[in-house]
Amino acid sequence: MPIYTPPVPGRRGRQYKAQILTDKIVALKAELAVHQEKCRHPERHRTYKYRSNTGNYDPTQDFYWTEYHCELCLRQWTTNDQRNVVGRKM
């Protein structure tokens, strides 16, 4: 439900237009957030990539995560991974 600010007489120009555009952007972002919350992110429309930050001097500081992307609602999120890497003591 977009927020619309009716025009005010005598208030024209770039600042007023910028405020109208900002209000529309806020409303659209809220609408997108509602849409993304309702999306179930089905497996066939969800992509993921395993990422890591390895090669540190101290191997206990290595970090792993997964980046997800839903092609239906365009939501992106990450999760931390606790992978058991060969040769690493947990």
PDB file of N, CA and C in Angstrom:
ATOM      1  N   MET A   1       0.834  -1.148   0.000  1.00  0.00           N
ATOM      2  CA  MET A   1       0.000   0.000   0.000  1.00  0.00           C
ATOM      3  C   MET A   1       0.897   1.235   0.000  1.00  0.00           C
ATOM      4  N   PRO A   2       1.065   1.843  -1.171  1.00  0.00           N
ATOM      5  CA  PRO A   2       1.963   2.981  -1.276  1.00  0.00           C
ATOM      6  C   PRO A   2       1.451   4.200  -0.505  1.00  0.00           C
ATOM      7  N   ILE A   3       2.403   4.931   0.012  1.00  0.00           N
ATOM      8  CA  ILE A   3       2.079   6.176   0.693  1.00  0.00           C
ATOM      9  C   ILE A   3       2.132   7.283  -0.354  1.00  0.00           C
ATOM     10  N   TYR A   4       1.042   8.018  -0.478  1.00  0.00           N
ATOM     11  CA  TYR A   4       1.007   9.112  -1.445  1.00  0.00           C
ATOM     12  C   TYR A   4       0.765  10.407  -0.702  1.00  0.00           C
ATOM     13  N   THR A   5       1.610  11.359  -0.961  1.00  0.00           N
ATOM     14  CA  THR A   5       1.461  12.679  -0.361  1.00  0.00           C
ATOM     15  C   THR A   5       0.852  13.593  -1.411  1.00  0.00           C
ATOM     16  N   PRO A   6      -0.342  14.114  -1.166  1.00  0.00           N
ATOM     17  CA  PRO A   6      -0.949  14.987  -2.175  1.00  0.00           C
ATOM     18  C   PRO A   6      -0.158  16.278  -2.331  1.00  0.00           C
ATOM     19  N   PRO A   7      -0.207  16.872  -3.515  1.00  0.00           N
ATOM     20  CA  PRO A   7       0.547  18.098  -3.739  1.00  0.00           C
ATOM     21  C   PRO A   7       0.039  19.239  -2.854  1.00  0.00           C
ATOM     22  N   VAL A   8       0.968  20.019  -2.366  1.00  0.00           N
ATOM     23  CA  VAL A   8       0.654  21.187  -1.544  1.00  0.00           C
ATOM     24  C   VAL A   8       0.852  22.418  -2.404  1.00  0.00           C
ATOM     25  N   PRO A   9      -0.157  23.297  -2.465  1.00  0.00           N
ATOM     26  CA  PRO A   9      -0.003  24.495  -3.303  1.00  0.00           C
ATOM     27  C   PRO A   9       1.201  25.333  -2.857  1.00  0.00           C
ATOM     28  N   GLY A  10       1.937  25.800  -3.814  1.00  0.00           N
ATOM     29  CA  GLY A  10       3.091  26.648  -3.523  1.00  0.00           C
ATOM     30  C   GLY A  10       4.342  25.873  -3.156  1.00  0.00           C
ATOM     31  N   ARG A  11       4.245  24.570  -3.061  1.00  0.00           N
ATOM     32  CA  ARG A  11       5.413  23.758  -2.698  1.00  0.00           C
ATOM     33  C   ARG A  11       5.799  22.895  -3.882  1.00  0.00           C
ATOM     34  N   ARG A  12       6.560  23.425  -4.734  1.00  0.00           N
ATOM     35  CA  ARG A  12       6.970  22.698  -5.938  1.00  0.00           C
ATOM     36  C   ARG A  12       8.490  22.674  -6.004  1.00  0.00           C
ATOM     37  N   GLY A  13       8.979  21.911  -6.892  1.00  0.00           N
ATOM     38  CA  GLY A  13      10.412  21.899  -7.094  1.00  0.00           C
ATOM     39  C   GLY A  13      11.023  20.551  -6.781  1.00  0.00           C
ATOM     40  N   ARG A  14      12.330  20.531  -6.805  1.00  0.00           N
ATOM     41  CA  ARG A  14      13.083  19.288  -6.662  1.00  0.00           C
ATOM     42  C   ARG A  14      12.954  18.676  -5.279  1.00  0.00           C
ATOM     43  N   GLN A  15      12.942  19.510  -4.250  1.00  0.00           N
ATOM     44  CA  GLN A  15      12.857  18.979  -2.895  1.00  0.00           C
ATOM     45  C   GLN A  15      11.529  18.256  -2.691  1.00  0.00           C
ATOM     46  N   TYR A  16      10.455  18.821  -3.186  1.00  0.00           N
ATOM     47  CA  TYR A  16       9.147  18.202  -3.042  1.00  0.00           C
ATOM     48  C   TYR A  16       9.086  16.889  -3.819  1.00  0.00           C
ATOM     49  N   LYS A  17       9.598  16.881  -5.041  1.00  0.00           N
ATOM     50  CA  LYS A  17       9.613  15.665  -5.850  1.00  0.00           C
ATOM     51  C   LYS A  17      10.465  14.590  -5.175  1.00  0.00           C
ATOM     52  N   ALA A  18      11.590  14.994  -4.601  1.00  0.00           N
ATOM     53  CA  ALA A  18      12.452  14.031  -3.905  1.00  0.00           C
ATOM     54  C   ALA A  18      11.716  13.406  -2.725  1.00  0.00           C
ATOM     55  N   GLN A  19      10.916  14.182  -2.014  1.00  0.00           N
ATOM     56  CA  GLN A  19      10.155  13.649  -0.886  1.00  0.00           C
ATOM     57  C   GLN A  19       9.097  12.655  -1.356  1.00  0.00           C
ATOM     58  N   ILE A  20       8.430  12.959  -2.454  1.00  0.00           N
ATOM     59  CA  ILE A  20       7.438  12.034  -3.008  1.00  0.00           C
ATOM     60  C   ILE A  20       8.111  10.722  -3.405  1.00  0.00           C
ATOM     61  N   LEU A  21       9.255  10.802  -4.081  1.00  0.00           N
ATOM     62  CA  LEU A  21       9.970   9.598  -4.500  1.00  0.00           C
ATOM     63  C   LEU A  21      10.451   8.795  -3.299  1.00  0.00           C
ATOM     64  N   THR A  22      10.939   9.477  -2.276  1.00  0.00           N
ATOM     65  CA  THR A  22      11.385   8.793  -1.067  1.00  0.00           C
ATOM     66  C   THR A  22      10.237   8.056  -0.394  1.00  0.00           C
ATOM     67  N   ASP A  23       9.068   8.682  -0.322  1.00  0.00           N
ATOM     68  CA  ASP A  23       7.894   8.029   0.267  1.00  0.00           C
ATOM     69  C   ASP A  23       7.497   6.790  -0.518  1.00  0.00           C
ATOM     70  N   LYS A  24       7.559   6.872  -1.853  1.00  0.00           N
ATOM     71  CA  LYS A  24       7.216   5.721  -2.688  1.00  0.00           C
ATOM     72  C   LYS A  24       8.221   4.583  -2.488  1.00  0.00           C
ATOM     73  N   ILE A  25       9.504   4.921  -2.373  1.00  0.00           N
ATOM     74  CA  ILE A  25      10.537   3.903  -2.170  1.00  0.00           C
ATOM     75  C   ILE A  25      10.326   3.187  -0.844  1.00  0.00           C
ATOM     76  N   VAL A  26      10.026   3.946   0.207  1.00  0.00           N
ATOM     77  CA  VAL A  26       9.780   3.348   1.527  1.00  0.00           C
ATOM     78  C   VAL A  26       8.596   2.400   1.458  1.00  0.00           C
ATOM     79  N   ALA A  27       7.526   2.807   0.787  1.00  0.00           N
ATOM     80  CA  ALA A  27       6.334   1.965   0.680  1.00  0.00           C
ATOM     81  C   ALA A  27       6.625   0.701  -0.119  1.00  0.00           C
ATOM     82  N   LEU A  28       7.379   0.821  -1.206  1.00  0.00           N
ATOM     83  CA  LEU A  28       7.704  -0.350  -2.023  1.00  0.00           C
ATOM     84  C   LEU A  28       8.619  -1.318  -1.283  1.00  0.00           C
ATOM     85  N   LYS A  29       9.561  -0.801  -0.501  1.00  0.00           N
ATOM     86  CA  LYS A  29      10.432  -1.671   0.294  1.00  0.00           C
ATOM     87  C   LYS A  29       9.628  -2.446   1.327  1.00  0.00           C
ATOM     88  N   ALA A  30       8.646  -1.793   1.934  1.00  0.00           N
ATOM     89  CA  ALA A  30       7.788  -2.476   2.909  1.00  0.00           C
ATOM     90  C   ALA A  30       6.963  -3.559   2.226  1.00  0.00           C
ATOM     91  N   GLU A  31       6.450  -3.260   1.036  1.00  0.00           N
ATOM     92  CA  GLU A  31       5.671  -4.244   0.281  1.00  0.00           C
ATOM     93  C   GLU A  31       6.541  -5.436  -0.119  1.00  0.00           C
ATOM     94  N   LEU A  32       7.781  -5.180  -0.523  1.00  0.00           N
ATOM     95  CA  LEU A  32       8.707  -6.257  -0.885  1.00  0.00           C
ATOM     96  C   LEU A  32       9.028  -7.130   0.331  1.00  0.00           C
ATOM     97  N   ALA A  33       9.203  -6.511   1.494  1.00  0.00           N
ATOM     98  CA  ALA A  33       9.493  -7.282   2.704  1.00  0.00           C
ATOM     99  C   ALA A  33       8.338  -8.209   3.049  1.00  0.00           C
ATOM    100  N   VAL A  34       7.104  -7.742   2.890  1.00  0.00           N
ATOM    101  CA  VAL A  34       5.939  -8.594   3.153  1.00  0.00           C
ATOM    102  C   VAL A  34       5.919  -9.755   2.163  1.00  0.00           C
ATOM    103  N   HIS A  35       6.189  -9.470   0.903  1.00  0.00           N
ATOM    104  CA  HIS A  35       6.215 -10.518  -0.128  1.00  0.00           C
ATOM    105  C   HIS A  35       7.290 -11.565   0.178  1.00  0.00           C
ATOM    106  N   GLN A  36       8.469 -11.114   0.595  1.00  0.00           N
ATOM    107  CA  GLN A  36       9.555 -12.041   0.894  1.00  0.00           C
ATOM    108  C   GLN A  36       9.254 -12.890   2.120  1.00  0.00           C
ATOM    109  N   GLU A  37       8.541 -12.338   3.090  1.00  0.00           N
ATOM    110  CA  GLU A  37       8.178 -13.117   4.274  1.00  0.00           C
ATOM    111  C   GLU A  37       7.179 -14.218   3.932  1.00  0.00           C
ATOM    112  N   LYS A  38       6.301 -13.977   2.968  1.00  0.00           N
ATOM    113  CA  LYS A  38       5.290 -14.959   2.581  1.00  0.00           C
ATOM    114  C   LYS A  38       5.870 -16.060   1.698  1.00  0.00           C
ATOM    115  N   CYS A  39       6.974 -15.769   1.015  1.00  0.00           N
ATOM    116  CA  CYS A  39       7.585 -16.737   0.097  1.00  0.00           C
ATOM    117  C   CYS A  39       8.154 -17.910   0.886  1.00  0.00           C
ATOM    118  N   ARG A  40       7.944 -19.112   0.364  1.00  0.00           N
ATOM    119  CA  ARG A  40       8.446 -20.325   1.029  1.00  0.00           C
ATOM    120  C   ARG A  40       9.829 -20.723   0.515  1.00  0.00           C
ATOM    121  N   HIS A  41      10.362 -20.018  -0.446  1.00  0.00           N
ATOM    122  CA  HIS A  41      11.688 -20.275  -1.016  1.00  0.00           C
ATOM    123  C   HIS A  41      11.827 -21.756  -1.415  1.00  0.00           C
ATOM    124  N   PRO A  42      11.026 -22.227  -2.391  1.00  0.00           N
ATOM    125  CA  PRO A  42      11.093 -23.634  -2.779  1.00  0.00           C
ATOM    126  C   PRO A  42      12.484 -24.017  -3.283  1.00  0.00           C
ATOM    127  N   GLU A  43      12.834 -25.265  -3.063  1.00  0.00           N
ATOM    128  CA  GLU A  43      14.177 -25.770  -3.385  1.00  0.00           C
ATOM    129  C   GLU A  43      14.564 -25.510  -4.843  1.00  0.00           C
ATOM    130  N   ARG A  44      13.641 -25.697  -5.762  1.00  0.00           N
ATOM    131  CA  ARG A  44      13.993 -25.548  -7.182  1.00  0.00           C
ATOM    132  C   ARG A  44      14.197 -24.090  -7.599  1.00  0.00           C
ATOM    133  N   HIS A  45      13.755 -23.154  -6.791  1.00  0.00           N
ATOM    134  CA  HIS A  45      13.941 -21.737  -7.092  1.00  0.00           C
ATOM    135  C   HIS A  45      14.957 -21.080  -6.167  1.00  0.00           C
ATOM    136  N   ARG A  46      15.682 -21.890  -5.416  1.00  0.00           N
ATOM    137  CA  ARG A  46      16.656 -21.361  -4.463  1.00  0.00           C
ATOM    138  C   ARG A  46      18.050 -21.815  -4.892  1.00  0.00           C
ATOM    139  N   THR A  47      18.965 -20.870  -4.973  1.00  0.00           N
ATOM    140  CA  THR A  47      20.348 -21.209  -5.289  1.00  0.00           C
ATOM    141  C   THR A  47      21.197 -20.937  -4.049  1.00  0.00           C
ATOM    142  N   TYR A  48      22.343 -21.608  -3.987  1.00  0.00           N
ATOM    143  CA  TYR A  48      23.224 -21.402  -2.848  1.00  0.00           C
ATOM    144  C   TYR A  48      24.675 -21.579  -3.278  1.00  0.00           C
ATOM    145  N   LYS A  49      25.559 -20.934  -2.528  1.00  0.00           N
ATOM    146  CA  LYS A  49      27.001 -21.044  -2.755  1.00  0.00           C
ATOM    147  C   LYS A  49      27.669 -21.223  -1.405  1.00  0.00           C
ATOM    148  N   TYR A  50      28.586 -22.181  -1.363  1.00  0.00           N
ATOM    149  CA  TYR A  50      29.377 -22.354  -0.150  1.00  0.00           C
ATOM    150  C   TYR A  50      30.562 -21.393  -0.212  1.00  0.00           C
ATOM    151  N   ARG A  51      30.780 -20.652   0.847  1.00  0.00           N
ATOM    152  CA  ARG A  51      31.861 -19.678   0.903  1.00  0.00           C
ATOM    153  C   ARG A  51      32.743 -19.975   2.112  1.00  0.00           C
ATOM    154  N   SER A  52      33.959 -19.464   2.060  1.00  0.00           N
ATOM    155  CA  SER A  52      34.864 -19.684   3.186  1.00  0.00           C
ATOM    156  C   SER A  52      35.911 -18.592   3.254  1.00  0.00           C
ATOM    157  N   ASN A  53      36.458 -18.443   4.436  1.00  0.00           N
ATOM    158  CA  ASN A  53      37.581 -17.552   4.684  1.00  0.00           C
ATOM    159  C   ASN A  53      38.645 -18.433   5.320  1.00  0.00           C
ATOM    160  N   THR A  54      39.466 -19.037   4.480  1.00  0.00           N
ATOM    161  CA  THR A  54      40.476 -19.984   4.971  1.00  0.00           C
ATOM    162  C   THR A  54      41.865 -19.472   4.634  1.00  0.00           C
ATOM    163  N   GLY A  55      42.853 -20.202   5.071  1.00  0.00           N
ATOM    164  CA  GLY A  55      44.231 -19.820   4.792  1.00  0.00           C
ATOM    165  C   GLY A  55      44.811 -18.936   5.874  1.00  0.00           C
ATOM    166  N   ASN A  56      44.109 -18.824   6.977  1.00  0.00           N
ATOM    167  CA  ASN A  56      44.637 -18.040   8.090  1.00  0.00           C
ATOM    168  C   ASN A  56      45.816 -18.771   8.727  1.00  0.00           C
ATOM    169  N   TYR A  57      46.669 -18.033   9.412  1.00  0.00           N
ATOM    170  CA  TYR A  57      47.807 -18.640  10.100  1.00  0.00           C
ATOM    171  C   TYR A  57      47.307 -19.642  11.133  1.00  0.00           C
ATOM    172  N   ASP A  58      46.248 -19.298  11.824  1.00  0.00           N
ATOM    173  CA  ASP A  58      45.648 -20.177  12.826  1.00  0.00           C
ATOM    174  C   ASP A  58      44.417 -20.838  12.204  1.00  0.00           C
ATOM    175  N   PRO A  59      44.482 -22.152  11.902  1.00  0.00           N
ATOM    176  CA  PRO A  59      43.364 -22.813  11.228  1.00  0.00           C
ATOM    177  C   PRO A  59      42.065 -22.802  12.040  1.00  0.00           C
ATOM    178  N   THR A  60      42.130 -22.554  13.338  1.00  0.00           N
ATOM    179  CA  THR A  60      40.897 -22.501  14.115  1.00  0.00           C
ATOM    180  C   THR A  60      40.108 -21.235  13.810  1.00  0.00           C
ATOM    181  N   GLN A  61      40.736 -20.280  13.096  1.00  0.00           N
ATOM    182  CA  GLN A  61      40.049 -19.040  12.735  1.00  0.00           C
ATOM    183  C   GLN A  61      39.372 -19.116  11.372  1.00  0.00           C
ATOM    184  N   ASP A  62      39.489 -20.272  10.695  1.00  0.00           N
ATOM    185  CA  ASP A  62      38.818 -20.446   9.410  1.00  0.00           C
ATOM    186  C   ASP A  62      37.304 -20.358   9.618  1.00  0.00           C
ATOM    187  N   PHE A  63      36.617 -19.776   8.651  1.00  0.00           N
ATOM    188  CA  PHE A  63      35.187 -19.529   8.782  1.00  0.00           C
ATOM    189  C   PHE A  63      34.479 -19.968   7.511  1.00  0.00           C
ATOM    190  N   TYR A  64      33.340 -20.608   7.651  1.00  0.00           N
ATOM    191  CA  TYR A  64      32.563 -21.110   6.529  1.00  0.00           C
ATOM    192  C   TYR A  64      31.130 -20.599   6.624  1.00  0.00           C
ATOM    193  N   TRP A  65      30.526 -20.263   5.470  1.00  0.00           N
ATOM    194  CA  TRP A  65      29.130 -19.844   5.449  1.00  0.00           C
ATOM    195  C   TRP A  65      28.519 -20.209   4.104  1.00  0.00           C
ATOM    196  N   THR A  66      27.200 -20.161   4.032  1.00  0.00           N
ATOM    197  CA  THR A  66      26.464 -20.441   2.806  1.00  0.00           C
ATOM    198  C   THR A  66      25.622 -19.222   2.461  1.00  0.00           C
ATOM    199  N   GLU A  67      25.703 -18.803   1.202  1.00  0.00           N
ATOM    200  CA  GLU A  67      24.897 -17.688   0.713  1.00  0.00           C
ATOM    201  C   GLU A  67      23.740 -18.255  -0.095  1.00  0.00           C
ATOM    202  N   TYR A  68      22.520 -17.837   0.244  1.00  0.00           N
ATOM    203  CA  TYR A  68      21.316 -18.302  -0.444  1.00  0.00           C
ATOM    204  C   TYR A  68      20.691 -17.150  -1.225  1.00  0.00           C
ATOM    205  N   HIS A  69      20.000 -17.505  -2.306  1.00  0.00           N
ATOM    206  CA  HIS A  69      19.271 -16.522  -3.112  1.00  0.00           C
ATOM    207  C   HIS A  69      18.007 -17.185  -3.639  1.00  0.00           C
ATOM    208  N   CYS A  70      16.848 -16.564  -3.371  1.00  0.00           N
ATOM    209  CA  CYS A  70      15.568 -17.065  -3.879  1.00  0.00           C
ATOM    210  C   CYS A  70      15.246 -16.317  -5.170  1.00  0.00           C
ATOM    211  N   GLU A  71      15.040 -17.060  -6.248  1.00  0.00           N
ATOM    212  CA  GLU A  71      14.765 -16.446  -7.541  1.00  0.00           C
ATOM    213  C   GLU A  71      13.331 -15.926  -7.645  1.00  0.00           C
ATOM    214  N   LEU A  72      12.440 -16.379  -6.768  1.00  0.00           N
ATOM    215  CA  LEU A  72      11.048 -15.924  -6.820  1.00  0.00           C
ATOM    216  C   LEU A  72      10.854 -14.568  -6.155  1.00  0.00           C
ATOM    217  N   CYS A  73      11.411 -14.400  -4.969  1.00  0.00           N
ATOM    218  CA  CYS A  73      11.183 -13.155  -4.220  1.00  0.00           C
ATOM    219  C   CYS A  73      12.435 -12.283  -4.134  1.00  0.00           C
ATOM    220  N   LEU A  74      13.549 -12.756  -4.677  1.00  0.00           N
ATOM    221  CA  LEU A  74      14.826 -12.025  -4.717  1.00  0.00           C
ATOM    222  C   LEU A  74      15.460 -11.823  -3.345  1.00  0.00           C
ATOM    223  N   ARG A  75      15.038 -12.596  -2.359  1.00  0.00           N
ATOM    224  CA  ARG A  75      15.642 -12.466  -1.030  1.00  0.00           C
ATOM    225  C   ARG A  75      17.019 -13.123  -1.032  1.00  0.00           C
ATOM    226  N   GLN A  76      17.961 -12.517  -0.321  1.00  0.00           N
ATOM    227  CA  GLN A  76      19.308 -13.065  -0.153  1.00  0.00           C
ATOM    228  C   GLN A  76      19.592 -13.165   1.329  1.00  0.00           C
ATOM    229  N   TRP A  77      20.179 -14.300   1.764  1.00  0.00           N
ATOM    230  CA  TRP A  77      20.524 -14.465   3.162  1.00  0.00           C
ATOM    231  C   TRP A  77      21.700 -15.417   3.284  1.00  0.00           C
ATOM    232  N   THR A  78      22.338 -15.411   4.437  1.00  0.00           N
ATOM    233  CA  THR A  78      23.484 -16.277   4.691  1.00  0.00           C
ATOM    234  C   THR A  78      23.256 -17.058   5.975  1.00  0.00           C
ATOM    235  N   THR A  79      23.903 -18.215   6.050  1.00  0.00           N
ATOM    236  CA  THR A  79      23.899 -19.020   7.269  1.00  0.00           C
ATOM    237  C   THR A  79      25.330 -19.435   7.570  1.00  0.00           C
ATOM    238  N   ASN A  80      25.668 -19.497   8.830  1.00  0.00           N
ATOM    239  CA  ASN A  80      26.993 -19.958   9.245  1.00  0.00           C
ATOM    240  C   ASN A  80      27.030 -21.468   9.202  1.00  0.00           C
ATOM    241  N   ASP A  81      28.167 -22.018   8.806  1.00  0.00           N
ATOM    242  CA  ASP A  81      28.339 -23.468   8.719  1.00  0.00           C
ATOM    243  C   ASP A  81      29.386 -23.921   9.723  1.00  0.00           C
ATOM    244  N   GLN A  82      29.164 -25.066  10.298  1.00  0.00           N
ATOM    245  CA  GLN A  82      30.148 -25.719  11.166  1.00  0.00           C
ATOM    246  C   GLN A  82      30.552 -27.016  10.474  1.00  0.00           C
ATOM    247  N   ARG A  83      31.311 -26.883   9.413  1.00  0.00           N
ATOM    248  CA  ARG A  83      31.717 -28.071   8.660  1.00  0.00           C
ATOM    249  C   ARG A  83      32.886 -28.756   9.342  1.00  0.00           C
ATOM    250  N   ASN A  84      32.866 -30.057   9.301  1.00  0.00           N
ATOM    251  CA  ASN A  84      33.963 -30.841   9.847  1.00  0.00           C
ATOM    252  C   ASN A  84      34.978 -31.066   8.726  1.00  0.00           C
ATOM    253  N   VAL A  85      36.008 -30.278   8.710  1.00  0.00           N
ATOM    254  CA  VAL A  85      37.012 -30.343   7.664  1.00  0.00           C
ATOM    255  C   VAL A  85      38.031 -31.422   8.026  1.00  0.00           C
ATOM    256  N   VAL A  86      38.466 -32.212   7.024  1.00  0.00           N
ATOM    257  CA  VAL A  86      39.428 -33.273   7.269  1.00  0.00           C
ATOM    258  C   VAL A  86      40.702 -32.680   7.852  1.00  0.00           C
ATOM    259  N   GLY A  87      41.178 -33.260   8.922  1.00  0.00           N
ATOM    260  CA  GLY A  87      42.391 -32.821   9.549  1.00  0.00           C
ATOM    261  C   GLY A  87      42.197 -31.699  10.566  1.00  0.00           C
ATOM    262  N   ARG A  88      40.970 -31.276  10.731  1.00  0.00           N
ATOM    263  CA  ARG A  88      40.690 -30.196  11.683  1.00  0.00           C
ATOM    264  C   ARG A  88      40.016 -30.782  12.911  1.00  0.00           C
ATOM    265  N   LYS A  89      40.543 -30.457  14.041  1.00  0.00           N
ATOM    266  CA  LYS A  89      39.973 -30.976  15.287  1.00  0.00           C
ATOM    267  C   LYS A  89      38.870 -30.038  15.750  1.00  0.00           C
ATOM    268  N   MET A  90      37.714 -30.594  16.014  1.00  0.00           N
ATOM    269  CA  MET A  90      36.587 -29.791  16.470  1.00  0.00           C
ATOM    270  C   MET A  90      36.432 -29.910  17.970  1.00  0.00           C
TER     271      MET A  90
END
